Amino acid sequence: MTRNGPDDATRRGTAETAEIEGLLALAATRPKRGRAALNVMSEAIAKCRALRRRVPGEHDALLARCLWTTALMLLDRRQAVEALPLA
């Protein structure tokens, strides 16, 4: 029997989504003003954009969350000009 719910383990991009979620969690453990958190978020954004190209329309909310989180980190670092395009 095939399930068709949002928690379906066979959904395309599930492993990649979990990896991106893990990067978001890892970035949250880093000091917000440190460079390490921004490096982790840059990796998450790149992976999310690649996933979105392969599976159009299914991971827009995840990409938005990655961009928003990165924008907030940049704002914490007083880098509003860099944060604006992400927000």
PDB file of N, CA and C in Angstrom:
ATOM      1  N   MET A   1       0.843  -1.178   0.000  1.00  0.00           N
ATOM      2  CA  MET A   1       0.000   0.000   0.000  1.00  0.00           C
ATOM      3  C   MET A   1       0.891   1.245   0.000  1.00  0.00           C
ATOM      4  N   THR A   2       0.572   2.180  -0.852  1.00  0.00           N
ATOM      5  CA  THR A   2       1.333   3.420  -0.944  1.00  0.00           C
ATOM      6  C   THR A   2       0.606   4.520  -0.190  1.00  0.00           C
ATOM      7  N   ARG A   3       1.372   5.202   0.654  1.00  0.00           N
ATOM      8  CA  ARG A   3       0.795   6.331   1.384  1.00  0.00           C
ATOM      9  C   ARG A   3       1.044   7.595   0.588  1.00  0.00           C
ATOM     10  N   ASN A   4       0.165   8.560   0.733  1.00  0.00           N
ATOM     11  CA  ASN A   4       0.317   9.817   0.019  1.00  0.00           C
ATOM     12  C   ASN A   4       0.147  10.997   0.956  1.00  0.00           C
ATOM     13  N   GLY A   5       0.725  10.913   2.121  1.00  0.00           N
ATOM     14  CA  GLY A   5       0.623  12.005   3.080  1.00  0.00           C
ATOM     15  C   GLY A   5       1.895  12.822   3.132  1.00  0.00           C
ATOM     16  N   PRO A   6       1.864  13.953   3.847  1.00  0.00           N
ATOM     17  CA  PRO A   6       3.045  14.806   3.937  1.00  0.00           C
ATOM     18  C   PRO A   6       4.203  14.138   4.676  1.00  0.00           C
ATOM     19  N   ASP A   7       3.922  13.069   5.423  1.00  0.00           N
ATOM     20  CA  ASP A   7       4.980  12.370   6.147  1.00  0.00           C
ATOM     21  C   ASP A   7       5.476  11.142   5.387  1.00  0.00           C
ATOM     22  N   ASP A   8       5.118  11.034   4.126  1.00  0.00           N
ATOM     23  CA  ASP A   8       5.471   9.877   3.313  1.00  0.00           C
ATOM     24  C   ASP A   8       6.984   9.767   3.169  1.00  0.00           C
ATOM     25  N   ALA A   9       7.543   8.648   3.603  1.00  0.00           N
ATOM     26  CA  ALA A   9       8.989   8.438   3.568  1.00  0.00           C
ATOM     27  C   ALA A   9       9.513   8.285   2.146  1.00  0.00           C
ATOM     28  N   THR A  10       8.650   8.039   1.196  1.00  0.00           N
ATOM     29  CA  THR A  10       9.095   7.884  -0.184  1.00  0.00           C
ATOM     30  C   THR A  10       9.048   9.200  -0.956  1.00  0.00           C
ATOM     31  N   ARG A  11       8.699  10.270  -0.305  1.00  0.00           N
ATOM     32  CA  ARG A  11       8.622  11.570  -0.980  1.00  0.00           C
ATOM     33  C   ARG A  11       9.980  11.945  -1.552  1.00  0.00           C
ATOM     34  N   ARG A  12       9.991  12.499  -2.747  1.00  0.00           N
ATOM     35  CA  ARG A  12      11.248  12.895  -3.382  1.00  0.00           C
ATOM     36  C   ARG A  12      11.925  13.987  -2.564  1.00  0.00           C
ATOM     37  N   GLY A  13      13.230  13.817  -2.355  1.00  0.00           N
ATOM     38  CA  GLY A  13      14.002  14.830  -1.650  1.00  0.00           C
ATOM     39  C   GLY A  13      13.980  14.691  -0.142  1.00  0.00           C
ATOM     40  N   THR A  14      13.459  13.579   0.379  1.00  0.00           N
ATOM     41  CA  THR A  14      13.341  13.422   1.828  1.00  0.00           C
ATOM     42  C   THR A  14      14.702  13.433   2.514  1.00  0.00           C
ATOM     43  N   ALA A  15      15.667  12.704   1.980  1.00  0.00           N
ATOM     44  CA  ALA A  15      16.998  12.662   2.600  1.00  0.00           C
ATOM     45  C   ALA A  15      17.662  14.029   2.534  1.00  0.00           C
ATOM     46  N   GLU A  16      17.527  14.693   1.395  1.00  0.00           N
ATOM     47  CA  GLU A  16      18.115  16.022   1.249  1.00  0.00           C
ATOM     48  C   GLU A  16      17.448  17.018   2.177  1.00  0.00           C
ATOM     49  N   THR A  17      16.140  16.907   2.315  1.00  0.00           N
ATOM     50  CA  THR A  17      15.408  17.793   3.220  1.00  0.00           C
ATOM     51  C   THR A  17      15.895  17.609   4.648  1.00  0.00           C
ATOM     52  N   ALA A  18      16.092  16.366   5.059  1.00  0.00           N
ATOM     53  CA  ALA A  18      16.587  16.086   6.408  1.00  0.00           C
ATOM     54  C   ALA A  18      17.980  16.668   6.602  1.00  0.00           C
ATOM     55  N   GLU A  19      18.806  16.591   5.571  1.00  0.00           N
ATOM     56  CA  GLU A  19      20.155  17.147   5.661  1.00  0.00           C
ATOM     57  C   GLU A  19      20.108  18.675   5.822  1.00  0.00           C
ATOM     58  N   ILE A  20      19.244  19.318   5.074  1.00  0.00           N
ATOM     59  CA  ILE A  20      19.104  20.778   5.171  1.00  0.00           C
ATOM     60  C   ILE A  20      18.563  21.170   6.538  1.00  0.00           C
ATOM     61  N   GLU A  21      17.580  20.418   7.034  1.00  0.00           N
ATOM     62  CA  GLU A  21      17.050  20.681   8.376  1.00  0.00           C
ATOM     63  C   GLU A  21      18.155  20.540   9.417  1.00  0.00           C
ATOM     64  N   GLY A  22      19.020  19.548   9.220  1.00  0.00           N
ATOM     65  CA  GLY A  22      20.149  19.366  10.129  1.00  0.00           C
ATOM     66  C   GLY A  22      21.103  20.543  10.088  1.00  0.00           C
ATOM     67  N   LEU A  23      21.343  21.088   8.902  1.00  0.00           N
ATOM     68  CA  LEU A  23      22.210  22.266   8.789  1.00  0.00           C
ATOM     69  C   LEU A  23      21.586  23.475   9.485  1.00  0.00           C
ATOM     70  N   LEU A  24      20.269  23.623   9.367  1.00  0.00           N
ATOM     71  CA  LEU A  24      19.578  24.703  10.081  1.00  0.00           C
ATOM     72  C   LEU A  24      19.757  24.552  11.590  1.00  0.00           C
ATOM     73  N   ALA A  25      19.624  23.328  12.073  1.00  0.00           N
ATOM     74  CA  ALA A  25      19.800  23.069  13.504  1.00  0.00           C
ATOM     75  C   ALA A  25      21.237  23.318  13.931  1.00  0.00           C
ATOM     76  N   LEU A  26      22.194  22.916  13.099  1.00  0.00           N
ATOM     77  CA  LEU A  26      23.598  23.137  13.414  1.00  0.00           C
ATOM     78  C   LEU A  26      23.908  24.633  13.477  1.00  0.00           C
ATOM     79  N   ALA A  27      23.393  25.388  12.540  1.00  0.00           N
ATOM     80  CA  ALA A  27      23.626  26.836  12.537  1.00  0.00           C
ATOM     81  C   ALA A  27      23.083  27.485  13.803  1.00  0.00           C
ATOM     82  N   ALA A  28      21.986  26.947  14.318  1.00  0.00           N
ATOM     83  CA  ALA A  28      21.389  27.506  15.534  1.00  0.00           C
ATOM     84  C   ALA A  28      22.282  27.288  16.749  1.00  0.00           C
ATOM     85  N   THR A  29      23.181  26.301  16.691  1.00  0.00           N
ATOM     86  CA  THR A  29      24.061  26.039  17.831  1.00  0.00           C
ATOM     87  C   THR A  29      25.332  26.876  17.790  1.00  0.00           C
ATOM     88  N   ARG A  30      25.581  27.520  16.669  1.00  0.00           N
ATOM     89  CA  ARG A  30      26.780  28.345  16.515  1.00  0.00           C
ATOM     90  C   ARG A  30      26.498  29.761  17.003  1.00  0.00           C
ATOM     91  N   PRO A  31      27.525  30.456  17.471  1.00  0.00           N
ATOM     92  CA  PRO A  31      27.313  31.865  17.837  1.00  0.00           C
ATOM     93  C   PRO A  31      26.812  32.649  16.637  1.00  0.00           C
ATOM     94  N   LYS A  32      25.741  33.416  16.824  1.00  0.00           N
ATOM     95  CA  LYS A  32      25.108  34.118  15.713  1.00  0.00           C
ATOM     96  C   LYS A  32      26.032  35.126  15.046  1.00  0.00           C
ATOM     97  N   ARG A  33      26.949  35.658  15.776  1.00  0.00           N
ATOM     98  CA  ARG A  33      27.844  36.646  15.188  1.00  0.00           C
ATOM     99  C   ARG A  33      29.108  36.026  14.616  1.00  0.00           C
ATOM    100  N   GLY A  34      29.242  34.714  14.760  1.00  0.00           N
ATOM    101  CA  GLY A  34      30.418  34.027  14.240  1.00  0.00           C
ATOM    102  C   GLY A  34      30.280  33.696  12.771  1.00  0.00           C
ATOM    103  N   ARG A  35      31.377  33.484  12.124  1.00  0.00           N
ATOM    104  CA  ARG A  35      31.394  33.158  10.694  1.00  0.00           C
ATOM    105  C   ARG A  35      30.921  31.722  10.440  1.00  0.00           C
ATOM    106  N   ALA A  36      31.098  30.841  11.417  1.00  0.00           N
ATOM    107  CA  ALA A  36      30.737  29.432  11.231  1.00  0.00           C
ATOM    108  C   ALA A  36      29.251  29.260  10.925  1.00  0.00           C
ATOM    109  N   ALA A  37      28.406  29.989  11.609  1.00  0.00           N
ATOM    110  CA  ALA A  37      26.962  29.875  11.380  1.00  0.00           C
ATOM    111  C   ALA A  37      26.602  30.314   9.964  1.00  0.00           C
ATOM    112  N   LEU A  38      27.222  31.378   9.490  1.00  0.00           N
ATOM    113  CA  LEU A  38      26.945  31.844   8.131  1.00  0.00           C
ATOM    114  C   LEU A  38      27.452  30.851   7.085  1.00  0.00           C
ATOM    115  N   ASN A  39      28.585  30.210   7.360  1.00  0.00           N
ATOM    116  CA  ASN A  39      29.090  29.186   6.444  1.00  0.00           C
ATOM    117  C   ASN A  39      28.127  28.015   6.355  1.00  0.00           C
ATOM    118  N   VAL A  40      27.595  27.601   7.492  1.00  0.00           N
ATOM    119  CA  VAL A  40      26.632  26.494   7.520  1.00  0.00           C
ATOM    120  C   VAL A  40      25.370  26.881   6.752  1.00  0.00           C
ATOM    121  N   MET A  41      24.920  28.107   6.942  1.00  0.00           N
ATOM    122  CA  MET A  41      23.705  28.551   6.259  1.00  0.00           C
ATOM    123  C   MET A  41      23.933  28.689   4.755  1.00  0.00           C
ATOM    124  N   SER A  42      25.118  29.105   4.344  1.00  0.00           N
ATOM    125  CA  SER A  42      25.420  29.182   2.909  1.00  0.00           C
ATOM    126  C   SER A  42      25.339  27.795   2.280  1.00  0.00           C
ATOM    127  N   GLU A  43      25.842  26.804   3.003  1.00  0.00           N
ATOM    128  CA  GLU A  43      25.754  25.423   2.521  1.00  0.00           C
ATOM    129  C   GLU A  43      24.302  24.968   2.446  1.00  0.00           C
ATOM    130  N   ALA A  44      23.504  25.306   3.454  1.00  0.00           N
ATOM    131  CA  ALA A  44      22.093  24.925   3.463  1.00  0.00           C
ATOM    132  C   ALA A  44      21.345  25.563   2.292  1.00  0.00           C
ATOM    133  N   ILE A  45      21.623  26.823   2.017  1.00  0.00           N
ATOM    134  CA  ILE A  45      20.966  27.518   0.906  1.00  0.00           C
ATOM    135  C   ILE A  45      21.347  26.866  -0.420  1.00  0.00           C
ATOM    136  N   ALA A  46      22.616  26.569  -0.606  1.00  0.00           N
ATOM    137  CA  ALA A  46      23.063  25.938  -1.854  1.00  0.00           C
ATOM    138  C   ALA A  46      22.398  24.576  -2.052  1.00  0.00           C
ATOM    139  N   LYS A  47      22.343  23.774  -1.001  1.00  0.00           N
ATOM    140  CA  LYS A  47      21.708  22.451  -1.096  1.00  0.00           C
ATOM    141  C   LYS A  47      20.212  22.584  -1.366  1.00  0.00           C
ATOM    142  N   CYS A  48      19.589  23.548  -0.730  1.00  0.00           N
ATOM    143  CA  CYS A  48      18.152  23.745  -0.902  1.00  0.00           C
ATOM    144  C   CYS A  48      17.829  24.219  -2.321  1.00  0.00           C
ATOM    145  N   ARG A  49      18.648  25.107  -2.858  1.00  0.00           N
ATOM    146  CA  ARG A  49      18.435  25.562  -4.235  1.00  0.00           C
ATOM    147  C   ARG A  49      18.615  24.410  -5.225  1.00  0.00           C
ATOM    148  N   ALA A  50      19.593  23.551  -4.989  1.00  0.00           N
ATOM    149  CA  ALA A  50      19.803  22.397  -5.860  1.00  0.00           C
ATOM    150  C   ALA A  50      18.611  21.440  -5.781  1.00  0.00           C
ATOM    151  N   LEU A  51      18.116  21.209  -4.592  1.00  0.00           N
ATOM    152  CA  LEU A  51      16.945  20.351  -4.405  1.00  0.00           C
ATOM    153  C   LEU A  51      15.731  20.945  -5.092  1.00  0.00           C
ATOM    154  N   ARG A  52      15.569  22.231  -4.972  1.00  0.00           N
ATOM    155  CA  ARG A  52      14.428  22.916  -5.579  1.00  0.00           C
ATOM    156  C   ARG A  52      14.481  22.832  -7.108  1.00  0.00           C
ATOM    157  N   ARG A  53      15.684  22.853  -7.686  1.00  0.00           N
ATOM    158  CA  ARG A  53      15.812  22.700  -9.139  1.00  0.00           C
ATOM    159  C   ARG A  53      15.403  21.299  -9.585  1.00  0.00           C
ATOM    160  N   ARG A  54      15.747  20.288  -8.769  1.00  0.00           N
ATOM    161  CA  ARG A  54      15.400  18.908  -9.107  1.00  0.00           C
ATOM    162  C   ARG A  54      13.926  18.603  -8.879  1.00  0.00           C
ATOM    163  N   VAL A  55      13.358  19.185  -7.838  1.00  0.00           N
ATOM    164  CA  VAL A  55      11.966  18.904  -7.472  1.00  0.00           C
ATOM    165  C   VAL A  55      11.248  20.258  -7.353  1.00  0.00           C
ATOM    166  N   PRO A  56      10.884  20.876  -8.471  1.00  0.00           N
ATOM    167  CA  PRO A  56      10.294  22.214  -8.449  1.00  0.00           C
ATOM    168  C   PRO A  56       8.990  22.274  -7.655  1.00  0.00           C
ATOM    169  N   GLY A  57       8.869  23.324  -6.872  1.00  0.00           N
ATOM    170  CA  GLY A  57       7.627  23.603  -6.166  1.00  0.00           C
ATOM    171  C   GLY A  57       7.414  22.901  -4.844  1.00  0.00           C
ATOM    172  N   GLU A  58       8.211  21.893  -4.526  1.00  0.00           N
ATOM    173  CA  GLU A  58       7.963  21.136  -3.299  1.00  0.00           C
ATOM    174  C   GLU A  58       8.718  21.650  -2.089  1.00  0.00           C
ATOM    175  N   HIS A  59       9.767  22.427  -2.284  1.00  0.00           N
ATOM    176  CA  HIS A  59      10.616  22.808  -1.163  1.00  0.00           C
ATOM    177  C   HIS A  59      10.805  24.323  -1.059  1.00  0.00           C
ATOM    178  N   ASP A  60       9.826  25.059  -1.558  1.00  0.00           N
ATOM    179  CA  ASP A  60       9.903  26.517  -1.512  1.00  0.00           C
ATOM    180  C   ASP A  60       9.933  27.033  -0.074  1.00  0.00           C
ATOM    181  N   ALA A  61       9.136  26.442   0.791  1.00  0.00           N
ATOM    182  CA  ALA A  61       9.075  26.898   2.186  1.00  0.00           C
ATOM    183  C   ALA A  61      10.408  26.663   2.905  1.00  0.00           C
ATOM    184  N   LEU A  62      11.065  25.559   2.603  1.00  0.00           N
ATOM    185  CA  LEU A  62      12.356  25.265   3.218  1.00  0.00           C
ATOM    186  C   LEU A  62      13.407  26.277   2.756  1.00  0.00           C
ATOM    187  N   LEU A  63      13.409  26.590   1.468  1.00  0.00           N
ATOM    188  CA  LEU A  63      14.348  27.597   0.960  1.00  0.00           C
ATOM    189  C   LEU A  63      14.065  28.948   1.602  1.00  0.00           C
ATOM    190  N   ALA A  64      12.808  29.300   1.717  1.00  0.00           N
ATOM    191  CA  ALA A  64      12.454  30.575   2.349  1.00  0.00           C
ATOM    192  C   ALA A  64      12.952  30.624   3.797  1.00  0.00           C
ATOM    193  N   ARG A  65      12.818  29.507   4.502  1.00  0.00           N
ATOM    194  CA  ARG A  65      13.298  29.460   5.889  1.00  0.00           C
ATOM    195  C   ARG A  65      14.815  29.617   5.977  1.00  0.00           C
ATOM    196  N   CYS A  66      15.526  28.987   5.056  1.00  0.00           N
ATOM    197  CA  CYS A  66      16.985  29.118   5.028  1.00  0.00           C
ATOM    198  C   CYS A  66      17.401  30.563   4.744  1.00  0.00           C
ATOM    199  N   LEU A  67      16.754  31.175   3.766  1.00  0.00           N
ATOM    200  CA  LEU A  67      17.087  32.556   3.416  1.00  0.00           C
ATOM    201  C   LEU A  67      16.766  33.511   4.563  1.00  0.00           C
ATOM    202  N   TRP A  68      15.605  33.308   5.175  1.00  0.00           N
ATOM    203  CA  TRP A  68      15.185  34.179   6.279  1.00  0.00           C
ATOM    204  C   TRP A  68      16.126  34.037   7.478  1.00  0.00           C
ATOM    205  N   THR A  69      16.493  32.816   7.807  1.00  0.00           N
ATOM    206  CA  THR A  69      17.406  32.576   8.928  1.00  0.00           C
ATOM    207  C   THR A  69      18.755  33.247   8.677  1.00  0.00           C
ATOM    208  N   THR A  70      19.242  33.133   7.455  1.00  0.00           N
ATOM    209  CA  THR A  70      20.513  33.764   7.113  1.00  0.00           C
ATOM    210  C   THR A  70      20.405  35.282   7.176  1.00  0.00           C
ATOM    211  N   ALA A  71      19.299  35.820   6.702  1.00  0.00           N
ATOM    212  CA  ALA A  71      19.094  37.267   6.766  1.00  0.00           C
ATOM    213  C   ALA A  71      19.094  37.755   8.213  1.00  0.00           C
ATOM    214  N   LEU A  72      18.449  37.015   9.093  1.00  0.00           N
ATOM    215  CA  LEU A  72      18.433  37.405  10.509  1.00  0.00           C
ATOM    216  C   LEU A  72      19.829  37.355  11.119  1.00  0.00           C
ATOM    217  N   MET A  73      20.611  36.351  10.732  1.00  0.00           N
ATOM    218  CA  MET A  73      21.987  36.271  11.233  1.00  0.00           C
ATOM    219  C   MET A  73      22.806  37.470  10.760  1.00  0.00           C
ATOM    220  N   LEU A  74      22.622  37.844   9.505  1.00  0.00           N
ATOM    221  CA  LEU A  74      23.343  39.003   8.982  1.00  0.00           C
ATOM    222  C   LEU A  74      22.909  40.287   9.683  1.00  0.00           C
ATOM    223  N   LEU A  75      21.623  40.397   9.983  1.00  0.00           N
ATOM    224  CA  LEU A  75      21.149  41.572  10.719  1.00  0.00           C
ATOM    225  C   LEU A  75      21.754  41.631  12.114  1.00  0.00           C
ATOM    226  N   ASP A  76      21.894  40.475  12.760  1.00  0.00           N
ATOM    227  CA  ASP A  76      22.548  40.427  14.075  1.00  0.00           C
ATOM    228  C   ASP A  76      23.991  40.912  13.990  1.00  0.00           C
ATOM    229  N   ARG A  77      24.604  40.714  12.836  1.00  0.00           N
ATOM    230  CA  ARG A  77      25.986  41.150  12.629  1.00  0.00           C
ATOM    231  C   ARG A  77      26.054  42.581  12.097  1.00  0.00           C
ATOM    232  N   ARG A  78      24.902  43.238  12.031  1.00  0.00           N
ATOM    233  CA  ARG A  78      24.789  44.607  11.521  1.00  0.00           C
ATOM    234  C   ARG A  78      25.225  44.702  10.054  1.00  0.00           C
ATOM    235  N   GLN A  79      24.817  43.714   9.269  1.00  0.00           N
ATOM    236  CA  GLN A  79      25.100  43.685   7.841  1.00  0.00           C
ATOM    237  C   GLN A  79      23.778  43.728   7.075  1.00  0.00           C
ATOM    238  N   ALA A  80      23.066  44.820   7.249  1.00  0.00           N
ATOM    239  CA  ALA A  80      21.726  44.952   6.669  1.00  0.00           C
ATOM    240  C   ALA A  80      21.754  44.933   5.151  1.00  0.00           C
ATOM    241  N   VAL A  81      22.764  45.509   4.552  1.00  0.00           N
ATOM    242  CA  VAL A  81      22.845  45.536   3.079  1.00  0.00           C
ATOM    243  C   VAL A  81      22.931  44.116   2.537  1.00  0.00           C
ATOM    244  N   GLU A  82      23.693  43.241   3.184  1.00  0.00           N
ATOM    245  CA  GLU A  82      23.810  41.857   2.734  1.00  0.00           C
ATOM    246  C   GLU A  82      22.548  41.056   3.052  1.00  0.00           C
ATOM    247  N   ALA A  83      21.838  41.428   4.114  1.00  0.00           N
ATOM    248  CA  ALA A  83      20.639  40.708   4.533  1.00  0.00           C
ATOM    249  C   ALA A  83      19.437  41.008   3.646  1.00  0.00           C
ATOM    250  N   LEU A  84      19.375  42.201   3.104  1.00  0.00           N
ATOM    251  CA  LEU A  84      18.187  42.632   2.352  1.00  0.00           C
ATOM    252  C   LEU A  84      17.828  41.721   1.180  1.00  0.00           C
ATOM    253  N   PRO A  85      18.755  41.335   0.305  1.00  0.00           N
ATOM    254  CA  PRO A  85      18.362  40.461  -0.811  1.00  0.00           C
ATOM    255  C   PRO A  85      17.848  39.094  -0.347  1.00  0.00           C
ATOM    256  N   LEU A  86      18.336  38.621   0.780  1.00  0.00           N
ATOM    257  CA  LEU A  86      17.889  37.317   1.291  1.00  0.00           C
ATOM    258  C   LEU A  86      16.477  37.403   1.886  1.00  0.00           C
ATOM    259  N   ALA A  87      16.200  38.518   2.520  1.00  0.00           N
ATOM    260  CA  ALA A  87      14.894  38.688   3.154  1.00  0.00           C
ATOM    261  C   ALA A  87      13.816  38.861   2.096  1.00  0.00           C
TER     262      ALA A  87
END
